[in-house]
Amino acid sequence: VLAPDTGELLLQTLGAFLPPVNPDDLVSAT
């Protein structure tokens, strides 16, 4: 469990490393 500011930073940073979703890609979000 992370503090809100740390958790939000993690989510935003992870989002920056996520590639655009490919409709043909079967890889799950997790």
PDB file of all heavy atoms in Angstrom:
ATOM      1  N   VAL A   1       0.861  -1.179   0.000  1.00  0.00           N
ATOM      2  CA  VAL A   1       0.000   0.000   0.000  1.00  0.00           C
ATOM      3  C   VAL A   1       0.895   1.226   0.000  1.00  0.00           C
ATOM      4  O   VAL A   1       1.786   1.342   0.857  1.00  0.00           O
ATOM      5  CB  VAL A   1      -0.930   0.026   1.235  1.00  0.00           C
ATOM      6  CG1 VAL A   1      -1.731   1.322   1.266  1.00  0.00           C
ATOM      7  CG2 VAL A   1      -1.869  -1.174   1.245  1.00  0.00           C
ATOM      8  N   LEU A   2       0.678   2.137  -0.943  1.00  0.00           N
ATOM      9  CA  LEU A   2       1.482   3.344  -1.068  1.00  0.00           C
ATOM     10  C   LEU A   2       0.667   4.570  -0.687  1.00  0.00           C
ATOM     11  O   LEU A   2      -0.558   4.574  -0.818  1.00  0.00           O
ATOM     12  CB  LEU A   2       2.002   3.496  -2.499  1.00  0.00           C
ATOM     13  CG  LEU A   2       2.860   2.349  -3.046  1.00  0.00           C
ATOM     14  CD1 LEU A   2       3.254   2.646  -4.490  1.00  0.00           C
ATOM     15  CD2 LEU A   2       4.104   2.145  -2.194  1.00  0.00           C
ATOM     16  N   ALA A   3       1.356   5.597  -0.241  1.00  0.00           N
ATOM     17  CA  ALA A   3       0.699   6.873   0.022  1.00  0.00           C
ATOM     18  C   ALA A   3       0.121   7.414  -1.281  1.00  0.00           C
ATOM     19  O   ALA A   3       0.617   7.094  -2.367  1.00  0.00           O
ATOM     20  CB  ALA A   3       1.698   7.875   0.608  1.00  0.00           C
ATOM     21  N   PRO A   4      -0.955   8.218  -1.198  1.00  0.00           N
ATOM     22  CA  PRO A   4      -1.599   8.694  -2.428  1.00  0.00           C
ATOM     23  C   PRO A   4      -0.656   9.352  -3.424  1.00  0.00           C
ATOM     24  O   PRO A   4      -0.724   9.080  -4.624  1.00  0.00           O
ATOM     25  CB  PRO A   4      -2.644   9.685  -1.904  1.00  0.00           C
ATOM     26  CG  PRO A   4      -2.975   9.177  -0.540  1.00  0.00           C
ATOM     27  CD  PRO A   4      -1.680   8.647   0.015  1.00  0.00           C
ATOM     28  N   ASP A   5       0.250  10.216  -2.932  1.00  0.00           N
ATOM     29  CA  ASP A   5       1.137  10.912  -3.878  1.00  0.00           C
ATOM     30  C   ASP A   5       2.125   9.940  -4.519  1.00  0.00           C
ATOM     31  O   ASP A   5       2.387   9.997  -5.723  1.00  0.00           O
ATOM     32  CB  ASP A   5       1.876  12.059  -3.180  1.00  0.00           C
ATOM     33  CG  ASP A   5       2.637  11.604  -1.941  1.00  0.00           C
ATOM     34  OD1 ASP A   5       2.373  10.483  -1.459  1.00  0.00           O
ATOM     35  OD2 ASP A   5       3.481  12.374  -1.453  1.00  0.00           O
ATOM     36  N   THR A   6       2.653   9.010  -3.713  1.00  0.00           N
ATOM     37  CA  THR A   6       3.574   8.013  -4.259  1.00  0.00           C
ATOM     38  C   THR A   6       2.845   7.073  -5.215  1.00  0.00           C
ATOM     39  O   THR A   6       3.362   6.730  -6.290  1.00  0.00           O
ATOM     40  CB  THR A   6       4.217   7.203  -3.128  1.00  0.00           C
ATOM     41  OG1 THR A   6       4.860   8.097  -2.210  1.00  0.00           O
ATOM     42  CG2 THR A   6       5.241   6.224  -3.677  1.00  0.00           C
ATOM     43  N   GLY A   7       1.656   6.640  -4.824  1.00  0.00           N
ATOM     44  CA  GLY A   7       0.879   5.756  -5.686  1.00  0.00           C
ATOM     45  C   GLY A   7       0.516   6.406  -7.004  1.00  0.00           C
ATOM     46  O   GLY A   7       0.591   5.782  -8.065  1.00  0.00           O
ATOM     47  N   GLU A   8       0.134   7.687  -6.936  1.00  0.00           N
ATOM     48  CA  GLU A   8      -0.214   8.401  -8.163  1.00  0.00           C
ATOM     49  C   GLU A   8       1.006   8.544  -9.069  1.00  0.00           C
ATOM     50  O   GLU A   8       0.909   8.392 -10.293  1.00  0.00           O
ATOM     51  CB  GLU A   8      -0.773   9.785  -7.816  1.00  0.00           C
ATOM     52  CG  GLU A   8      -1.240  10.595  -9.021  1.00  0.00           C
ATOM     53  CD  GLU A   8      -2.401   9.942  -9.750  1.00  0.00           C
ATOM     54  OE1 GLU A   8      -3.134   9.144  -9.128  1.00  0.00           O
ATOM     55  OE2 GLU A   8      -2.579  10.218 -10.950  1.00  0.00           O
ATOM     56  N   LEU A   9       2.169   8.810  -8.465  1.00  0.00           N
ATOM     57  CA  LEU A   9       3.405   8.904  -9.247  1.00  0.00           C
ATOM     58  C   LEU A   9       3.717   7.576  -9.928  1.00  0.00           C
ATOM     59  O   LEU A   9       4.101   7.541 -11.101  1.00  0.00           O
ATOM     60  CB  LEU A   9       4.569   9.315  -8.341  1.00  0.00           C
ATOM     61  CG  LEU A   9       5.957   9.375  -8.993  1.00  0.00           C
ATOM     62  CD1 LEU A   9       5.972  10.400 -10.121  1.00  0.00           C
ATOM     63  CD2 LEU A   9       7.021   9.706  -7.955  1.00  0.00           C
ATOM     64  N   LEU A  10       3.521   6.484  -9.205  1.00  0.00           N
ATOM     65  CA  LEU A  10       3.762   5.168  -9.790  1.00  0.00           C
ATOM     66  C   LEU A  10       2.830   4.913 -10.969  1.00  0.00           C
ATOM     67  O   LEU A  10       3.250   4.455 -12.036  1.00  0.00           O
ATOM     68  CB  LEU A  10       3.575   4.082  -8.732  1.00  0.00           C
ATOM     69  CG  LEU A  10       3.671   2.633  -9.237  1.00  0.00           C
ATOM     70  CD1 LEU A  10       5.052   2.347  -9.816  1.00  0.00           C
ATOM     71  CD2 LEU A  10       3.339   1.651  -8.133  1.00  0.00           C
ATOM     72  N   LEU A  11       1.547   5.219 -10.793  1.00  0.00           N
ATOM     73  CA  LEU A  11       0.573   4.990 -11.860  1.00  0.00           C
ATOM     74  C   LEU A  11       0.897   5.819 -13.097  1.00  0.00           C
ATOM     75  O   LEU A  11       0.831   5.332 -14.230  1.00  0.00           O
ATOM     76  CB  LEU A  11      -0.837   5.307 -11.363  1.00  0.00           C
ATOM     77  CG  LEU A  11      -1.404   4.366 -10.290  1.00  0.00           C
ATOM     78  CD1 LEU A  11      -2.763   4.871  -9.815  1.00  0.00           C
ATOM     79  CD2 LEU A  11      -1.519   2.947 -10.828  1.00  0.00           C
ATOM     80  N   GLN A  12       1.235   7.089 -12.870  1.00  0.00           N
ATOM     81  CA  GLN A  12       1.545   7.964 -13.996  1.00  0.00           C
ATOM     82  C   GLN A  12       2.814   7.507 -14.723  1.00  0.00           C
ATOM     83  O   GLN A  12       2.881   7.533 -15.949  1.00  0.00           O
ATOM     84  CB  GLN A  12       1.712   9.408 -13.500  1.00  0.00           C
ATOM     85  CG  GLN A  12       0.447  10.030 -12.937  1.00  0.00           C
ATOM     86  CD  GLN A  12      -0.612  10.244 -14.000  1.00  0.00           C
ATOM     87  OE1 GLN A  12      -0.311  10.369 -15.175  1.00  0.00           O
ATOM     88  NE2 GLN A  12      -1.873  10.292 -13.586  1.00  0.00           N
ATOM     89  N   THR A  13       3.815   7.076 -13.952  1.00  0.00           N
ATOM     90  CA  THR A  13       5.069   6.640 -14.566  1.00  0.00           C
ATOM     91  C   THR A  13       4.878   5.329 -15.319  1.00  0.00           C
ATOM     92  O   THR A  13       5.406   5.146 -16.424  1.00  0.00           O
ATOM     93  CB  THR A  13       6.163   6.477 -13.500  1.00  0.00           C
ATOM     94  OG1 THR A  13       6.233   7.667 -12.708  1.00  0.00           O
ATOM     95  CG2 THR A  13       7.510   6.243 -14.148  1.00  0.00           C
ATOM     96  N   LEU A  14       4.129   4.402 -14.731  1.00  0.00           N
ATOM     97  CA  LEU A  14       3.834   3.157 -15.432  1.00  0.00           C
ATOM     98  C   LEU A  14       3.093   3.446 -16.738  1.00  0.00           C
ATOM     99  O   LEU A  14       3.363   2.826 -17.769  1.00  0.00           O
ATOM    100  CB  LEU A  14       2.988   2.237 -14.558  1.00  0.00           C
ATOM    101  CG  LEU A  14       3.698   1.411 -13.488  1.00  0.00           C
ATOM    102  CD1 LEU A  14       2.684   0.589 -12.707  1.00  0.00           C
ATOM    103  CD2 LEU A  14       4.752   0.510 -14.105  1.00  0.00           C
ATOM    104  N   GLY A  15       2.155   4.392 -16.670  1.00  0.00           N
ATOM    105  CA  GLY A  15       1.411   4.753 -17.869  1.00  0.00           C
ATOM    106  C   GLY A  15       2.313   5.259 -18.978  1.00  0.00           C
ATOM    107  O   GLY A  15       2.058   5.015 -20.166  1.00  0.00           O
ATOM    108  N   ALA A  16       3.381   5.949 -18.593  1.00  0.00           N
ATOM    109  CA  ALA A  16       4.310   6.471 -19.597  1.00  0.00           C
ATOM    110  C   ALA A  16       5.071   5.354 -20.299  1.00  0.00           C
ATOM    111  O   ALA A  16       5.515   5.507 -21.437  1.00  0.00           O
ATOM    112  CB  ALA A  16       5.294   7.436 -18.938  1.00  0.00           C
ATOM    113  N   PHE A  17       5.238   4.223 -19.628  1.00  0.00           N
ATOM    114  CA  PHE A  17       5.971   3.096 -20.210  1.00  0.00           C
ATOM    115  C   PHE A  17       5.055   2.098 -20.910  1.00  0.00           C
ATOM    116  O   PHE A  17       5.542   1.157 -21.537  1.00  0.00           O
ATOM    117  CB  PHE A  17       6.780   2.373 -19.127  1.00  0.00           C
ATOM    118  CG  PHE A  17       8.062   3.066 -18.757  1.00  0.00           C
ATOM    119  CD1 PHE A  17       8.095   4.000 -17.740  1.00  0.00           C
ATOM    120  CD2 PHE A  17       9.237   2.801 -19.440  1.00  0.00           C
ATOM    121  CE1 PHE A  17       9.253   4.649 -17.392  1.00  0.00           C
ATOM    122  CE2 PHE A  17      10.418   3.438 -19.110  1.00  0.00           C
ATOM    123  CZ  PHE A  17      10.437   4.373 -18.083  1.00  0.00           C
ATOM    124  N   LEU A  18       3.749   2.281 -20.804  1.00  0.00           N
ATOM    125  CA  LEU A  18       2.826   1.366 -21.464  1.00  0.00           C
ATOM    126  C   LEU A  18       2.730   1.706 -22.955  1.00  0.00           C
ATOM    127  O   LEU A  18       2.464   2.852 -23.311  1.00  0.00           O
ATOM    128  CB  LEU A  18       1.432   1.468 -20.832  1.00  0.00           C
ATOM    129  CG  LEU A  18       1.228   0.784 -19.486  1.00  0.00           C
ATOM    130  CD1 LEU A  18      -0.152   1.128 -18.943  1.00  0.00           C
ATOM    131  CD2 LEU A  18       1.381  -0.730 -19.619  1.00  0.00           C
ATOM    132  N   PRO A  19       2.908   0.733 -23.827  1.00  0.00           N
ATOM    133  CA  PRO A  19       2.769   1.009 -25.262  1.00  0.00           C
ATOM    134  C   PRO A  19       1.300   1.180 -25.613  1.00  0.00           C
ATOM    135  O   PRO A  19       0.417   0.736 -24.869  1.00  0.00           O
ATOM    136  CB  PRO A  19       3.348  -0.246 -25.917  1.00  0.00           C
ATOM    137  CG  PRO A  19       3.107  -1.323 -24.919  1.00  0.00           C
ATOM    138  CD  PRO A  19       3.258  -0.673 -23.568  1.00  0.00           C
ATOM    139  N   PRO A  20       1.001   1.842 -26.736  1.00  0.00           N
ATOM    140  CA  PRO A  20      -0.398   1.958 -27.173  1.00  0.00           C
ATOM    141  C   PRO A  20      -1.029   0.581 -27.330  1.00  0.00           C
ATOM    142  O   PRO A  20      -0.366  -0.385 -27.709  1.00  0.00           O
ATOM    143  CB  PRO A  20      -0.287   2.682 -28.527  1.00  0.00           C
ATOM    144  CG  PRO A  20       1.028   3.387 -28.478  1.00  0.00           C
ATOM    145  CD  PRO A  20       1.927   2.513 -27.652  1.00  0.00           C
ATOM    146  N   VAL A  21      -2.304   0.498 -27.012  1.00  0.00           N
ATOM    147  CA  VAL A  21      -3.001  -0.788 -27.093  1.00  0.00           C
ATOM    148  C   VAL A  21      -3.162  -1.197 -28.550  1.00  0.00           C
ATOM    149  O   VAL A  21      -3.607  -0.418 -29.384  1.00  0.00           O
ATOM    150  CB  VAL A  21      -4.384  -0.703 -26.419  1.00  0.00           C
ATOM    151  CG1 VAL A  21      -5.128  -2.022 -26.565  1.00  0.00           C
ATOM    152  CG2 VAL A  21      -4.226  -0.345 -24.950  1.00  0.00           C
ATOM    153  N   ASN A  22      -2.780  -2.431 -28.834  1.00  0.00           N
ATOM    154  CA  ASN A  22      -2.945  -3.002 -30.163  1.00  0.00           C
ATOM    155  C   ASN A  22      -4.173  -3.908 -30.138  1.00  0.00           C
ATOM    156  O   ASN A  22      -4.225  -4.855 -29.346  1.00  0.00           O
ATOM    157  CB  ASN A  22      -1.706  -3.806 -30.548  1.00  0.00           C
ATOM    158  CG  ASN A  22      -1.786  -4.378 -31.951  1.00  0.00           C
ATOM    159  OD1 ASN A  22      -2.853  -4.355 -32.577  1.00  0.00           O
ATOM    160  ND2 ASN A  22      -0.677  -4.870 -32.455  1.00  0.00           N
ATOM    161  N   PRO A  23      -5.188  -3.622 -30.966  1.00  0.00           N
ATOM    162  CA  PRO A  23      -6.413  -4.441 -30.947  1.00  0.00           C
ATOM    163  C   PRO A  23      -6.160  -5.924 -31.165  1.00  0.00           C
ATOM    164  O   PRO A  23      -6.931  -6.760 -30.708  1.00  0.00           O
ATOM    165  CB  PRO A  23      -7.252  -3.845 -32.086  1.00  0.00           C
ATOM    166  CG  PRO A  23      -6.734  -2.456 -32.262  1.00  0.00           C
ATOM    167  CD  PRO A  23      -5.270  -2.533 -31.951  1.00  0.00           C
ATOM    168  N   ASP A  24      -5.068  -6.250 -31.857  1.00  0.00           N
ATOM    169  CA  ASP A  24      -4.759  -7.653 -32.139  1.00  0.00           C
ATOM    170  C   ASP A  24      -3.898  -8.292 -31.056  1.00  0.00           C
ATOM    171  O   ASP A  24      -3.583  -9.481 -31.124  1.00  0.00           O
ATOM    172  CB  ASP A  24      -4.045  -7.775 -33.489  1.00  0.00           C
ATOM    173  CG  ASP A  24      -4.917  -7.274 -34.639  1.00  0.00           C
ATOM    174  OD1 ASP A  24      -6.142  -7.465 -34.561  1.00  0.00           O
ATOM    175  OD2 ASP A  24      -4.360  -6.696 -35.584  1.00  0.00           O
ATOM    176  N   ASP A  25      -3.504  -7.497 -30.063  1.00  0.00           N
ATOM    177  CA  ASP A  25      -2.637  -7.992 -28.994  1.00  0.00           C
ATOM    178  C   ASP A  25      -3.484  -8.666 -27.923  1.00  0.00           C
ATOM    179  O   ASP A  25      -4.392  -8.059 -27.364  1.00  0.00           O
ATOM    180  CB  ASP A  25      -1.849  -6.823 -28.398  1.00  0.00           C
ATOM    181  CG  ASP A  25      -0.722  -7.315 -27.504  1.00  0.00           C
ATOM    182  OD1 ASP A  25      -0.666  -8.523 -27.243  1.00  0.00           O
ATOM    183  OD2 ASP A  25       0.096  -6.478 -27.085  1.00  0.00           O
ATOM    184  N   LEU A  26      -3.185  -9.923 -27.613  1.00  0.00           N
ATOM    185  CA  LEU A  26      -3.949 -10.673 -26.620  1.00  0.00           C
ATOM    186  C   LEU A  26      -3.366 -10.558 -25.221  1.00  0.00           C
ATOM    187  O   LEU A  26      -3.871 -11.187 -24.291  1.00  0.00           O
ATOM    188  CB  LEU A  26      -4.008 -12.155 -27.026  1.00  0.00           C
ATOM    189  CG  LEU A  26      -4.683 -12.447 -28.373  1.00  0.00           C
ATOM    190  CD1 LEU A  26      -4.668 -13.943 -28.650  1.00  0.00           C
ATOM    191  CD2 LEU A  26      -6.113 -11.905 -28.388  1.00  0.00           C
ATOM    192  N   VAL A  27      -2.317  -9.758 -25.060  1.00  0.00           N
ATOM    193  CA  VAL A  27      -1.701  -9.592 -23.746  1.00  0.00           C
ATOM    194  C   VAL A  27      -2.659  -8.826 -22.830  1.00  0.00           C
ATOM    195  O   VAL A  27      -3.205  -7.792 -23.203  1.00  0.00           O
ATOM    196  CB  VAL A  27      -0.359  -8.833 -23.860  1.00  0.00           C
ATOM    197  CG1 VAL A  27       0.254  -8.602 -22.483  1.00  0.00           C
ATOM    198  CG2 VAL A  27       0.601  -9.620 -24.738  1.00  0.00           C
ATOM    199  N   SER A  28      -2.865  -9.335 -21.625  1.00  0.00           N
ATOM    200  CA  SER A  28      -3.804  -8.706 -20.690  1.00  0.00           C
ATOM    201  C   SER A  28      -3.249  -7.405 -20.143  1.00  0.00           C
ATOM    202  O   SER A  28      -2.043  -7.132 -20.216  1.00  0.00           O
ATOM    203  CB  SER A  28      -4.104  -9.657 -19.526  1.00  0.00           C
ATOM    204  OG  SER A  28      -2.940  -9.846 -18.736  1.00  0.00           O
ATOM    205  N   ALA A  29      -4.149  -6.593 -19.581  1.00  0.00           N
ATOM    206  CA  ALA A  29      -3.730  -5.314 -18.999  1.00  0.00           C
ATOM    207  C   ALA A  29      -2.767  -5.524 -17.838  1.00  0.00           C
ATOM    208  O   ALA A  29      -1.810  -4.759 -17.662  1.00  0.00           O
ATOM    209  CB  ALA A  29      -4.967  -4.530 -18.537  1.00  0.00           C
ATOM    210  N   THR A  30      -2.994  -6.557 -17.031  1.00  0.00           N
ATOM    211  CA  THR A  30      -2.107  -6.805 -15.895  1.00  0.00           C
ATOM    212  C   THR A  30      -0.708  -7.194 -16.360  1.00  0.00           C
ATOM    213  O   THR A  30       0.296  -6.780 -15.773  1.00  0.00           O
ATOM    214  CB  THR A  30      -2.689  -7.915 -15.002  1.00  0.00           C
ATOM    215  OG1 THR A  30      -2.960  -9.078 -15.808  1.00  0.00           O
ATOM    216  CG2 THR A  30      -3.992  -7.463 -14.349  1.00  0.00           C
TER     217      THR A  30
END
